[in-house]
Amino acid sequence: MNDKSAEFNKFFYPESILVIGVSPAPSNLGRNIVSNLPLAGYNGEILSAGRTPGVVFGQRIYLSIEEINRPVDLAVVLTPAATVPGILEQGSPWLQGCGNINAADGRGVHRNDRGR
């Protein structure tokens, strides 16, 4: 397997997923993604991070991704667009891949030559 294949495998077949933007609120999109990943057949490790302390489906919500402090194959970021660059900087030493969901929330964000 070449390096590109390995990168794609981590994105499409991650062994660990970090969902950022999770809260215990039943209507929270991150919470619902954490709930639905196993139902969709995902068997890997699922981690949650958010600003609201609590537990979702028996797992702690990390208040900072820096607390995780180990490699994660894929992060799904469900936060306002303006917060994404800071989140990526926090996780840059160990974050392998990132999927970002913005619900038309690009207003007021200025990007540099690296897309941040």
PDB file of N, CA and C in Angstrom:
ATOM      1  N   MET A   1       0.852  -1.171   0.000  1.00  0.00           N
ATOM      2  CA  MET A   1       0.000   0.000   0.000  1.00  0.00           C
ATOM      3  C   MET A   1       0.901   1.239   0.000  1.00  0.00           C
ATOM      4  N   ASN A   2       0.623   2.195  -0.903  1.00  0.00           N
ATOM      5  CA  ASN A   2       1.428   3.410  -0.925  1.00  0.00           C
ATOM      6  C   ASN A   2       0.914   4.425   0.093  1.00  0.00           C
ATOM      7  N   ASP A   3       1.659   5.528   0.258  1.00  0.00           N
ATOM      8  CA  ASP A   3       1.309   6.532   1.271  1.00  0.00           C
ATOM      9  C   ASP A   3      -0.069   7.134   1.035  1.00  0.00           C
ATOM     10  N   LYS A   4      -0.416   7.369  -0.215  1.00  0.00           N
ATOM     11  CA  LYS A   4      -1.731   7.949  -0.525  1.00  0.00           C
ATOM     12  C   LYS A   4      -2.851   6.989  -0.131  1.00  0.00           C
ATOM     13  N   SER A   5      -2.665   5.714  -0.400  1.00  0.00           N
ATOM     14  CA  SER A   5      -3.683   4.731  -0.018  1.00  0.00           C
ATOM     15  C   SER A   5      -3.862   4.694   1.489  1.00  0.00           C
ATOM     16  N   ALA A   6      -2.767   4.771   2.218  1.00  0.00           N
ATOM     17  CA  ALA A   6      -2.848   4.762   3.681  1.00  0.00           C
ATOM     18  C   ALA A   6      -3.604   5.983   4.184  1.00  0.00           C
ATOM     19  N   GLU A   7      -3.355   7.156   3.565  1.00  0.00           N
ATOM     20  CA  GLU A   7      -4.068   8.373   3.957  1.00  0.00           C
ATOM     21  C   GLU A   7      -5.568   8.223   3.699  1.00  0.00           C
ATOM     22  N   PHE A   8      -5.930   7.704   2.546  1.00  0.00           N
ATOM     23  CA  PHE A   8      -7.345   7.519   2.230  1.00  0.00           C
ATOM     24  C   PHE A   8      -7.991   6.497   3.158  1.00  0.00           C
ATOM     25  N   ASN A   9      -7.264   5.445   3.499  1.00  0.00           N
ATOM     26  CA  ASN A   9      -7.815   4.445   4.416  1.00  0.00           C
ATOM     27  C   ASN A   9      -8.130   5.047   5.774  1.00  0.00           C
ATOM     28  N   LYS A  10      -7.260   5.929   6.272  1.00  0.00           N
ATOM     29  CA  LYS A  10      -7.528   6.570   7.564  1.00  0.00           C
ATOM     30  C   LYS A  10      -8.766   7.452   7.492  1.00  0.00           C
ATOM     31  N   PHE A  11      -9.006   8.051   6.338  1.00  0.00           N
ATOM     32  CA  PHE A  11     -10.182   8.908   6.187  1.00  0.00           C
ATOM     33  C   PHE A  11     -11.452   8.077   6.020  1.00  0.00           C
ATOM     34  N   PHE A  12     -11.412   7.091   5.149  1.00  0.00           N
ATOM     35  CA  PHE A  12     -12.619   6.310   4.847  1.00  0.00           C
ATOM     36  C   PHE A  12     -12.838   5.123   5.788  1.00  0.00           C
ATOM     37  N   TYR A  13     -11.778   4.634   6.403  1.00  0.00           N
ATOM     38  CA  TYR A  13     -11.877   3.496   7.328  1.00  0.00           C
ATOM     39  C   TYR A  13     -11.105   3.796   8.615  1.00  0.00           C
ATOM     40  N   PRO A  14     -11.480   4.849   9.325  1.00  0.00           N
ATOM     41  CA  PRO A  14     -10.717   5.230  10.518  1.00  0.00           C
ATOM     42  C   PRO A  14     -10.879   4.218  11.648  1.00  0.00           C
ATOM     43  N   GLU A  15      -9.810   4.040  12.406  1.00  0.00           N
ATOM     44  CA  GLU A  15      -9.882   3.203  13.606  1.00  0.00           C
ATOM     45  C   GLU A  15     -10.402   4.000  14.793  1.00  0.00           C
ATOM     46  N   SER A  16     -10.277   5.333  14.711  1.00  0.00           N
ATOM     47  CA  SER A  16     -10.781   6.203  15.778  1.00  0.00           C
ATOM     48  C   SER A  16     -11.364   7.472  15.163  1.00  0.00           C
ATOM     49  N   ILE A  17     -12.489   7.915  15.726  1.00  0.00           N
ATOM     50  CA  ILE A  17     -13.165   9.129  15.268  1.00  0.00           C
ATOM     51  C   ILE A  17     -13.399  10.026  16.475  1.00  0.00           C
ATOM     52  N   LEU A  18     -13.042  11.296  16.319  1.00  0.00           N
ATOM     53  CA  LEU A  18     -13.316  12.307  17.326  1.00  0.00           C
ATOM     54  C   LEU A  18     -14.404  13.225  16.785  1.00  0.00           C
ATOM     55  N   VAL A  19     -15.509  13.323  17.493  1.00  0.00           N
ATOM     56  CA  VAL A  19     -16.592  14.227  17.105  1.00  0.00           C
ATOM     57  C   VAL A  19     -16.470  15.460  17.996  1.00  0.00           C
ATOM     58  N   ILE A  20     -16.252  16.618  17.379  1.00  0.00           N
ATOM     59  CA  ILE A  20     -16.050  17.868  18.104  1.00  0.00           C
ATOM     60  C   ILE A  20     -17.300  18.724  17.959  1.00  0.00           C
ATOM     61  N   GLY A  21     -17.819  19.179  19.088  1.00  0.00           N
ATOM     62  CA  GLY A  21     -19.042  19.973  19.106  1.00  0.00           C
ATOM     63  C   GLY A  21     -20.188  19.201  19.738  1.00  0.00           C
ATOM     64  N   VAL A  22     -19.850  18.248  20.592  1.00  0.00           N
ATOM     65  CA  VAL A  22     -20.842  17.376  21.227  1.00  0.00           C
ATOM     66  C   VAL A  22     -21.312  17.990  22.542  1.00  0.00           C
ATOM     67  N   SER A  23     -22.598  17.866  22.802  1.00  0.00           N
ATOM     68  CA  SER A  23     -23.146  18.196  24.120  1.00  0.00           C
ATOM     69  C   SER A  23     -24.163  17.119  24.486  1.00  0.00           C
ATOM     70  N   PRO A  24     -24.544  17.033  25.753  1.00  0.00           N
ATOM     71  CA  PRO A  24     -25.527  16.022  26.161  1.00  0.00           C
ATOM     72  C   PRO A  24     -26.951  16.317  25.687  1.00  0.00           C
ATOM     73  N   ALA A  25     -27.194  17.495  25.132  1.00  0.00           N
ATOM     74  CA  ALA A  25     -28.551  17.860  24.699  1.00  0.00           C
ATOM     75  C   ALA A  25     -29.049  16.898  23.623  1.00  0.00           C
ATOM     76  N   PRO A  26     -30.257  16.360  23.762  1.00  0.00           N
ATOM     77  CA  PRO A  26     -30.778  15.398  22.784  1.00  0.00           C
ATOM     78  C   PRO A  26     -30.825  15.928  21.349  1.00  0.00           C
ATOM     79  N   SER A  27     -30.944  17.234  21.167  1.00  0.00           N
ATOM     80  CA  SER A  27     -31.027  17.798  19.819  1.00  0.00           C
ATOM     81  C   SER A  27     -29.657  18.115  19.223  1.00  0.00           C
ATOM     82  N   ASN A  28     -28.575  17.888  19.952  1.00  0.00           N
ATOM     83  CA  ASN A  28     -27.235  18.223  19.485  1.00  0.00           C
ATOM     84  C   ASN A  28     -26.807  17.297  18.352  1.00  0.00           C
ATOM     85  N   LEU A  29     -26.369  17.878  17.227  1.00  0.00           N
ATOM     86  CA  LEU A  29     -25.974  17.086  16.061  1.00  0.00           C
ATOM     87  C   LEU A  29     -24.797  16.167  16.385  1.00  0.00           C
ATOM     88  N   GLY A  30     -23.814  16.681  17.107  1.00  0.00           N
ATOM     89  CA  GLY A  30     -22.661  15.855  17.468  1.00  0.00           C
ATOM     90  C   GLY A  30     -23.054  14.644  18.285  1.00  0.00           C
ATOM     91  N   ARG A  31     -23.926  14.853  19.260  1.00  0.00           N
ATOM     92  CA  ARG A  31     -24.427  13.750  20.087  1.00  0.00           C
ATOM     93  C   ARG A  31     -25.112  12.709  19.208  1.00  0.00           C
ATOM     94  N   ASN A  32     -25.886  13.181  18.242  1.00  0.00           N
ATOM     95  CA  ASN A  32     -26.605  12.256  17.369  1.00  0.00           C
ATOM     96  C   ASN A  32     -25.659  11.490  16.446  1.00  0.00           C
ATOM     97  N   ILE A  33     -24.586  12.129  16.017  1.00  0.00           N
ATOM     98  CA  ILE A  33     -23.591  11.418  15.208  1.00  0.00           C
ATOM     99  C   ILE A  33     -22.911  10.339  16.051  1.00  0.00           C
ATOM    100  N   VAL A  34     -22.533  10.684  17.290  1.00  0.00           N
ATOM    101  CA  VAL A  34     -21.929   9.701  18.199  1.00  0.00           C
ATOM    102  C   VAL A  34     -22.871   8.514  18.388  1.00  0.00           C
ATOM    103  N   SER A  35     -24.151   8.792  18.504  1.00  0.00           N
ATOM    104  CA  SER A  35     -25.154   7.741  18.685  1.00  0.00           C
ATOM    105  C   SER A  35     -25.300   6.867  17.443  1.00  0.00           C
ATOM    106  N   ASN A  36     -25.240   7.484  16.273  1.00  0.00           N
ATOM    107  CA  ASN A  36     -25.534   6.766  15.039  1.00  0.00           C
ATOM    108  C   ASN A  36     -24.345   6.039  14.421  1.00  0.00           C
ATOM    109  N   LEU A  37     -23.132   6.406  14.767  1.00  0.00           N
ATOM    110  CA  LEU A  37     -21.977   5.712  14.188  1.00  0.00           C
ATOM    111  C   LEU A  37     -22.019   4.202  14.432  1.00  0.00           C
ATOM    112  N   PRO A  38     -22.241   3.731  15.667  1.00  0.00           N
ATOM    113  CA  PRO A  38     -22.325   2.275  15.867  1.00  0.00           C
ATOM    114  C   PRO A  38     -23.522   1.652  15.150  1.00  0.00           C
ATOM    115  N   LEU A  39     -24.619   2.383  15.087  1.00  0.00           N
ATOM    116  CA  LEU A  39     -25.805   1.858  14.397  1.00  0.00           C
ATOM    117  C   LEU A  39     -25.556   1.695  12.905  1.00  0.00           C
ATOM    118  N   ALA A  40     -24.624   2.502  12.374  1.00  0.00           N
ATOM    119  CA  ALA A  40     -24.278   2.422  10.955  1.00  0.00           C
ATOM    120  C   ALA A  40     -23.189   1.385  10.695  1.00  0.00           C
ATOM    121  N   GLY A  41     -22.752   0.677  11.743  1.00  0.00           N
ATOM    122  CA  GLY A  41     -21.778  -0.391  11.566  1.00  0.00           C
ATOM    123  C   GLY A  41     -20.355  -0.025  11.930  1.00  0.00           C
ATOM    124  N   TYR A  42     -20.129   1.188  12.424  1.00  0.00           N
ATOM    125  CA  TYR A  42     -18.770   1.570  12.819  1.00  0.00           C
ATOM    126  C   TYR A  42     -18.403   0.877  14.126  1.00  0.00           C
ATOM    127  N   ASN A  43     -17.262   0.178  14.121  1.00  0.00           N
ATOM    128  CA  ASN A  43     -16.833  -0.586  15.294  1.00  0.00           C
ATOM    129  C   ASN A  43     -15.597  -0.020  15.977  1.00  0.00           C
ATOM    130  N   GLY A  44     -15.078   1.093  15.466  1.00  0.00           N
ATOM    131  CA  GLY A  44     -13.868   1.663  16.045  1.00  0.00           C
ATOM    132  C   GLY A  44     -14.157   2.510  17.272  1.00  0.00           C
ATOM    133  N   GLU A  45     -13.129   3.188  17.730  1.00  0.00           N
ATOM    134  CA  GLU A  45     -13.228   4.040  18.915  1.00  0.00           C
ATOM    135  C   GLU A  45     -13.885   5.373  18.553  1.00  0.00           C
ATOM    136  N   ILE A  46     -14.801   5.820  19.394  1.00  0.00           N
ATOM    137  CA  ILE A  46     -15.486   7.098  19.210  1.00  0.00           C
ATOM    138  C   ILE A  46     -15.190   7.965  20.426  1.00  0.00           C
ATOM    139  N   LEU A  47     -14.673   9.161  20.171  1.00  0.00           N
ATOM    140  CA  LEU A  47     -14.388  10.126  21.226  1.00  0.00           C
ATOM    141  C   LEU A  47     -15.236  11.364  20.984  1.00  0.00           C
ATOM    142  N   SER A  48     -15.582  12.067  22.060  1.00  0.00           N
ATOM    143  CA  SER A  48     -16.417  13.264  21.962  1.00  0.00           C
ATOM    144  C   SER A  48     -15.723  14.430  22.640  1.00  0.00           C
ATOM    145  N   ALA A  49     -15.854  15.618  22.045  1.00  0.00           N
ATOM    146  CA  ALA A  49     -15.337  16.839  22.660  1.00  0.00           C
ATOM    147  C   ALA A  49     -16.366  17.940  22.483  1.00  0.00           C
ATOM    148  N   GLY A  50     -16.452  18.797  23.473  1.00  0.00           N
ATOM    149  CA  GLY A  50     -17.387  19.915  23.411  1.00  0.00           C
ATOM    150  C   GLY A  50     -17.167  20.871  24.566  1.00  0.00           C
ATOM    151  N   ARG A  51     -17.954  21.939  24.592  1.00  0.00           N
ATOM    152  CA  ARG A  51     -17.815  22.952  25.646  1.00  0.00           C
ATOM    153  C   ARG A  51     -18.656  22.640  26.871  1.00  0.00           C
ATOM    154  N   THR A  52     -19.587  21.703  26.744  1.00  0.00           N
ATOM    155  CA  THR A  52     -20.479  21.371  27.853  1.00  0.00           C
ATOM    156  C   THR A  52     -20.037  20.058  28.488  1.00  0.00           C
ATOM    157  N   PRO A  53     -19.696  20.077  29.779  1.00  0.00           N
ATOM    158  CA  PRO A  53     -19.290  18.823  30.410  1.00  0.00           C
ATOM    159  C   PRO A  53     -20.444  17.830  30.458  1.00  0.00           C
ATOM    160  N   GLY A  54     -20.104  16.580  30.441  1.00  0.00           N
ATOM    161  CA  GLY A  54     -21.133  15.556  30.546  1.00  0.00           C
ATOM    162  C   GLY A  54     -20.667  14.239  29.978  1.00  0.00           C
ATOM    163  N   VAL A  55     -21.629  13.378  29.795  1.00  0.00           N
ATOM    164  CA  VAL A  55     -21.394  12.028  29.283  1.00  0.00           C
ATOM    165  C   VAL A  55     -22.426  11.768  28.200  1.00  0.00           C
ATOM    166  N   VAL A  56     -21.986  11.187  27.094  1.00  0.00           N
ATOM    167  CA  VAL A  56     -22.915  10.757  26.054  1.00  0.00           C
ATOM    168  C   VAL A  56     -22.675   9.277  25.798  1.00  0.00           C
ATOM    169  N   PHE A  57     -23.726   8.506  25.925  1.00  0.00           N
ATOM    170  CA  PHE A  57     -23.684   7.069  25.661  1.00  0.00           C
ATOM    171  C   PHE A  57     -22.535   6.388  26.406  1.00  0.00           C
ATOM    172  N   GLY A  58     -22.388   6.770  27.678  1.00  0.00           N
ATOM    173  CA  GLY A  58     -21.404   6.148  28.544  1.00  0.00           C
ATOM    174  C   GLY A  58     -19.993   6.677  28.415  1.00  0.00           C
ATOM    175  N   GLN A  59     -19.788   7.665  27.550  1.00  0.00           N
ATOM    176  CA  GLN A  59     -18.445   8.191  27.358  1.00  0.00           C
ATOM    177  C   GLN A  59     -18.384   9.667  27.713  1.00  0.00           C
ATOM    178  N   ARG A  60     -17.297  10.027  28.315  1.00  0.00           N
ATOM    179  CA  ARG A  60     -17.053  11.406  28.727  1.00  0.00           C
ATOM    180  C   ARG A  60     -16.949  12.338  27.519  1.00  0.00           C
ATOM    181  N   ILE A  61     -17.403  13.567  27.685  1.00  0.00           N
ATOM    182  CA  ILE A  61     -17.179  14.623  26.703  1.00  0.00           C
ATOM    183  C   ILE A  61     -15.922  15.377  27.147  1.00  0.00           C
ATOM    184  N   TYR A  62     -14.876  15.311  26.342  1.00  0.00           N
ATOM    185  CA  TYR A  62     -13.655  16.052  26.648  1.00  0.00           C
ATOM    186  C   TYR A  62     -13.927  17.538  26.448  1.00  0.00           C
ATOM    187  N   LEU A  63     -13.471  18.371  27.377  1.00  0.00           N
ATOM    188  CA  LEU A  63     -13.689  19.810  27.276  1.00  0.00           C
ATOM    189  C   LEU A  63     -12.633  20.489  26.411  1.00  0.00           C
ATOM    190  N   SER A  64     -11.566  19.796  26.100  1.00  0.00           N
ATOM    191  CA  SER A  64     -10.525  20.298  25.211  1.00  0.00           C
ATOM    192  C   SER A  64      -9.948  19.109  24.459  1.00  0.00           C
ATOM    193  N   ILE A  65      -9.707  19.288  23.173  1.00  0.00           N
ATOM    194  CA  ILE A  65      -9.126  18.172  22.424  1.00  0.00           C
ATOM    195  C   ILE A  65      -7.684  17.925  22.845  1.00  0.00           C
ATOM    196  N   GLU A  66      -7.057  18.908  23.479  1.00  0.00           N
ATOM    197  CA  GLU A  66      -5.701  18.708  23.985  1.00  0.00           C
ATOM    198  C   GLU A  66      -5.664  17.644  25.086  1.00  0.00           C
ATOM    199  N   GLU A  67      -6.784  17.426  25.771  1.00  0.00           N
ATOM    200  CA  GLU A  67      -6.859  16.393  26.813  1.00  0.00           C
ATOM    201  C   GLU A  67      -6.701  14.989  26.234  1.00  0.00           C
ATOM    202  N   ILE A  68      -7.060  14.820  24.986  1.00  0.00           N
ATOM    203  CA  ILE A  68      -7.017  13.490  24.357  1.00  0.00           C
ATOM    204  C   ILE A  68      -5.568  13.055  24.167  1.00  0.00           C
ATOM    205  N   ASN A  69      -4.735  13.936  23.607  1.00  0.00           N
ATOM    206  CA  ASN A  69      -3.285  13.778  23.592  1.00  0.00           C
ATOM    207  C   ASN A  69      -2.800  12.439  23.035  1.00  0.00           C
ATOM    208  N   ARG A  70      -3.421  11.972  21.986  1.00  0.00           N
ATOM    209  CA  ARG A  70      -2.952  10.770  21.288  1.00  0.00           C
ATOM    210  C   ARG A  70      -3.531  10.794  19.881  1.00  0.00           C
ATOM    211  N   PRO A  71      -2.973  10.040  18.968  1.00  0.00           N
ATOM    212  CA  PRO A  71      -3.455  10.093  17.590  1.00  0.00           C
ATOM    213  C   PRO A  71      -4.923   9.689  17.442  1.00  0.00           C
ATOM    214  N   VAL A  72      -5.610  10.411  16.588  1.00  0.00           N
ATOM    215  CA  VAL A  72      -6.987  10.108  16.200  1.00  0.00           C
ATOM    216  C   VAL A  72      -7.003  10.136  14.677  1.00  0.00           C
ATOM    217  N   ASP A  73      -7.615   9.142  14.062  1.00  0.00           N
ATOM    218  CA  ASP A  73      -7.599   9.056  12.603  1.00  0.00           C
ATOM    219  C   ASP A  73      -8.453  10.115  11.926  1.00  0.00           C
ATOM    220  N   LEU A  74      -9.602  10.424  12.502  1.00  0.00           N
ATOM    221  CA  LEU A  74     -10.533  11.334  11.832  1.00  0.00           C
ATOM    222  C   LEU A  74     -11.270  12.172  12.861  1.00  0.00           C
ATOM    223  N   ALA A  75     -11.379  13.461  12.591  1.00  0.00           N
ATOM    224  CA  ALA A  75     -12.187  14.342  13.438  1.00  0.00           C
ATOM    225  C   ALA A  75     -13.318  14.906  12.599  1.00  0.00           C
ATOM    226  N   VAL A  76     -14.497  14.928  13.162  1.00  0.00           N
ATOM    227  CA  VAL A  76     -15.654  15.569  12.545  1.00  0.00           C
ATOM    228  C   VAL A  76     -15.923  16.812  13.377  1.00  0.00           C
ATOM    229  N   VAL A  77     -15.789  17.984  12.754  1.00  0.00           N
ATOM    230  CA  VAL A  77     -15.901  19.253  13.469  1.00  0.00           C
ATOM    231  C   VAL A  77     -17.273  19.853  13.202  1.00  0.00           C
ATOM    232  N   LEU A  78     -18.048  20.016  14.258  1.00  0.00           N
ATOM    233  CA  LEU A  78     -19.416  20.531  14.171  1.00  0.00           C
ATOM    234  C   LEU A  78     -19.520  21.790  15.031  1.00  0.00           C
ATOM    235  N   THR A  79     -18.750  22.791  14.660  1.00  0.00           N
ATOM    236  CA  THR A  79     -18.707  24.037  15.413  1.00  0.00           C
ATOM    237  C   THR A  79     -18.818  25.203  14.439  1.00  0.00           C
ATOM    238  N   PRO A  80     -19.051  26.412  14.936  1.00  0.00           N
ATOM    239  CA  PRO A  80     -19.087  27.571  14.038  1.00  0.00           C
ATOM    240  C   PRO A  80     -17.778  27.699  13.252  1.00  0.00           C
ATOM    241  N   ALA A  81     -17.891  28.145  12.010  1.00  0.00           N
ATOM    242  CA  ALA A  81     -16.735  28.212  11.112  1.00  0.00           C
ATOM    243  C   ALA A  81     -15.571  28.990  11.704  1.00  0.00           C
ATOM    244  N   ALA A  82     -15.848  30.041  12.425  1.00  0.00           N
ATOM    245  CA  ALA A  82     -14.777  30.872  12.979  1.00  0.00           C
ATOM    246  C   ALA A  82     -13.926  30.120  13.998  1.00  0.00           C
ATOM    247  N   THR A  83     -14.441  29.043  14.573  1.00  0.00           N
ATOM    248  CA  THR A  83     -13.688  28.292  15.589  1.00  0.00           C
ATOM    249  C   THR A  83     -12.819  27.187  14.993  1.00  0.00           C
ATOM    250  N   VAL A  84     -13.045  26.841  13.737  1.00  0.00           N
ATOM    251  CA  VAL A  84     -12.358  25.691  13.138  1.00  0.00           C
ATOM    252  C   VAL A  84     -10.838  25.865  13.077  1.00  0.00           C
ATOM    253  N   PRO A  85     -10.293  27.011  12.638  1.00  0.00           N
ATOM    254  CA  PRO A  85      -8.828  27.125  12.599  1.00  0.00           C
ATOM    255  C   PRO A  85      -8.175  26.877  13.958  1.00  0.00           C
ATOM    256  N   GLY A  86      -8.739  27.402  15.021  1.00  0.00           N
ATOM    257  CA  GLY A  86      -8.185  27.176  16.357  1.00  0.00           C
ATOM    258  C   GLY A  86      -8.252  25.718  16.764  1.00  0.00           C
ATOM    259  N   ILE A  87      -9.336  25.060  16.404  1.00  0.00           N
ATOM    260  CA  ILE A  87      -9.486  23.631  16.713  1.00  0.00           C
ATOM    261  C   ILE A  87      -8.430  22.819  15.968  1.00  0.00           C
ATOM    262  N   LEU A  88      -8.220  23.145  14.701  1.00  0.00           N
ATOM    263  CA  LEU A  88      -7.210  22.421  13.924  1.00  0.00           C
ATOM    264  C   LEU A  88      -5.811  22.659  14.477  1.00  0.00           C
ATOM    265  N   GLU A  89      -5.546  23.871  14.947  1.00  0.00           N
ATOM    266  CA  GLU A  89      -4.243  24.154  15.559  1.00  0.00           C
ATOM    267  C   GLU A  89      -4.053  23.335  16.834  1.00  0.00           C
ATOM    268  N   GLN A  90      -5.089  23.234  17.667  1.00  0.00           N
ATOM    269  CA  GLN A  90      -4.999  22.448  18.905  1.00  0.00           C
ATOM    270  C   GLN A  90      -4.679  20.990  18.610  1.00  0.00           C
ATOM    271  N   GLY A  91      -5.292  20.456  17.568  1.00  0.00           N
ATOM    272  CA  GLY A  91      -5.133  19.041  17.258  1.00  0.00           C
ATOM    273  C   GLY A  91      -4.038  18.731  16.276  1.00  0.00           C
ATOM    274  N   SER A  92      -3.343  19.749  15.761  1.00  0.00           N
ATOM    275  CA  SER A  92      -2.382  19.520  14.685  1.00  0.00           C
ATOM    276  C   SER A  92      -1.268  18.530  15.006  1.00  0.00           C
ATOM    277  N   PRO A  93      -0.792  18.414  16.259  1.00  0.00           N
ATOM    278  CA  PRO A  93       0.283  17.444  16.495  1.00  0.00           C
ATOM    279  C   PRO A  93      -0.143  15.987  16.291  1.00  0.00           C
ATOM    280  N   TRP A  94      -1.414  15.671  16.423  1.00  0.00           N
ATOM    281  CA  TRP A  94      -1.819  14.264  16.391  1.00  0.00           C
ATOM    282  C   TRP A  94      -3.013  13.969  15.508  1.00  0.00           C
ATOM    283  N   LEU A  95      -3.660  14.984  14.980  1.00  0.00           N
ATOM    284  CA  LEU A  95      -4.854  14.760  14.172  1.00  0.00           C
ATOM    285  C   LEU A  95      -4.464  14.272  12.788  1.00  0.00           C
ATOM    286  N   GLN A  96      -5.004  13.118  12.389  1.00  0.00           N
ATOM    287  CA  GLN A  96      -4.651  12.508  11.114  1.00  0.00           C
ATOM    288  C   GLN A  96      -5.497  13.032   9.953  1.00  0.00           C
ATOM    289  N   GLY A  97      -6.783  13.291  10.182  1.00  0.00           N
ATOM    290  CA  GLY A  97      -7.674  13.756   9.128  1.00  0.00           C
ATOM    291  C   GLY A  97      -8.837  14.499   9.735  1.00  0.00           C
ATOM    292  N   CYS A  98      -9.508  15.296   8.923  1.00  0.00           N
ATOM    293  CA  CYS A  98     -10.578  16.119   9.472  1.00  0.00           C
ATOM    294  C   CYS A  98     -11.697  16.271   8.458  1.00  0.00           C
ATOM    295  N   GLY A  99     -12.923  16.118   8.910  1.00  0.00           N
ATOM    296  CA  GLY A  99     -14.098  16.439   8.119  1.00  0.00           C
ATOM    297  C   GLY A  99     -14.818  17.567   8.825  1.00  0.00           C
ATOM    298  N   ASN A 100     -15.184  18.598   8.093  1.00  0.00           N
ATOM    299  CA  ASN A 100     -15.774  19.781   8.701  1.00  0.00           C
ATOM    300  C   ASN A 100     -17.164  19.998   8.126  1.00  0.00           C
ATOM    301  N   ILE A 101     -18.153  20.111   8.987  1.00  0.00           N
ATOM    302  CA  ILE A 101     -19.517  20.363   8.532  1.00  0.00           C
ATOM    303  C   ILE A 101     -19.897  21.778   8.919  1.00  0.00           C
ATOM    304  N   ASN A 102     -20.083  22.625   7.922  1.00  0.00           N
ATOM    305  CA  ASN A 102     -20.545  23.992   8.157  1.00  0.00           C
ATOM    306  C   ASN A 102     -21.906  24.143   7.515  1.00  0.00           C
ATOM    307  N   ALA A 103     -22.868  24.539   8.287  1.00  0.00           N
ATOM    308  CA  ALA A 103     -24.218  24.753   7.759  1.00  0.00           C
ATOM    309  C   ALA A 103     -24.322  26.192   7.275  1.00  0.00           C
ATOM    310  N   ALA A 104     -23.684  26.474   6.132  1.00  0.00           N
ATOM    311  CA  ALA A 104     -23.687  27.814   5.545  1.00  0.00           C
ATOM    312  C   ALA A 104     -23.250  28.854   6.567  1.00  0.00           C
ATOM    313  N   ASP A 105     -22.226  28.515   7.341  1.00  0.00           N
ATOM    314  CA  ASP A 105     -21.771  29.413   8.394  1.00  0.00           C
ATOM    315  C   ASP A 105     -20.413  30.007   8.057  1.00  0.00           C
ATOM    316  N   GLY A 106     -20.162  30.327   6.806  1.00  0.00           N
ATOM    317  CA  GLY A 106     -18.881  30.879   6.411  1.00  0.00           C
ATOM    318  C   GLY A 106     -18.790  32.375   6.574  1.00  0.00           C
ATOM    319  N   ARG A 107     -19.799  33.017   7.080  1.00  0.00           N
ATOM    320  CA  ARG A 107     -19.790  34.477   7.182  1.00  0.00           C
ATOM    321  C   ARG A 107     -18.718  34.945   8.168  1.00  0.00           C
ATOM    322  N   GLY A 108     -18.028  35.975   7.754  1.00  0.00           N
ATOM    323  CA  GLY A 108     -17.051  36.595   8.636  1.00  0.00           C
ATOM    324  C   GLY A 108     -15.752  35.839   8.795  1.00  0.00           C
ATOM    325  N   VAL A 109     -15.510  34.831   7.984  1.00  0.00           N
ATOM    326  CA  VAL A 109     -14.275  34.069   8.097  1.00  0.00           C
ATOM    327  C   VAL A 109     -13.370  34.440   6.934  1.00  0.00           C
ATOM    328  N   HIS A 110     -12.146  34.811   7.244  1.00  0.00           N
ATOM    329  CA  HIS A 110     -11.169  35.156   6.218  1.00  0.00           C
ATOM    330  C   HIS A 110     -10.151  34.033   6.152  1.00  0.00           C
ATOM    331  N   ARG A 111      -9.877  33.562   4.951  1.00  0.00           N
ATOM    332  CA  ARG A 111      -8.967  32.434   4.792  1.00  0.00           C
ATOM    333  C   ARG A 111      -7.620  32.921   4.264  1.00  0.00           C
ATOM    334  N   ASN A 112      -6.565  32.301   4.741  1.00  0.00           N
ATOM    335  CA  ASN A 112      -5.246  32.626   4.222  1.00  0.00           C
ATOM    336  C   ASN A 112      -4.895  31.649   3.112  1.00  0.00           C
ATOM    337  N   ASP A 113      -3.641  31.655   2.683  1.00  0.00           N
ATOM    338  CA  ASP A 113      -3.244  30.801   1.566  1.00  0.00           C
ATOM    339  C   ASP A 113      -3.273  29.314   1.893  1.00  0.00           C
ATOM    340  N   ARG A 114      -3.427  28.935   3.174  1.00  0.00           N
ATOM    341  CA  ARG A 114      -3.530  27.526   3.548  1.00  0.00           C
ATOM    342  C   ARG A 114      -4.976  27.097   3.734  1.00  0.00           C
ATOM    343  N   GLY A 115      -5.936  27.947   3.374  1.00  0.00           N
ATOM    344  CA  GLY A 115      -7.345  27.600   3.514  1.00  0.00           C
ATOM    345  C   GLY A 115      -7.876  27.800   4.906  1.00  0.00           C
ATOM    346  N   ARG A 116      -7.124  28.467   5.744  1.00  0.00           N
ATOM    347  CA  ARG A 116      -7.558  28.704   7.122  1.00  0.00           C
ATOM    348  C   ARG A 116      -7.907  30.155   7.313  1.00  0.00           C
TER     349      ARG A 116
END
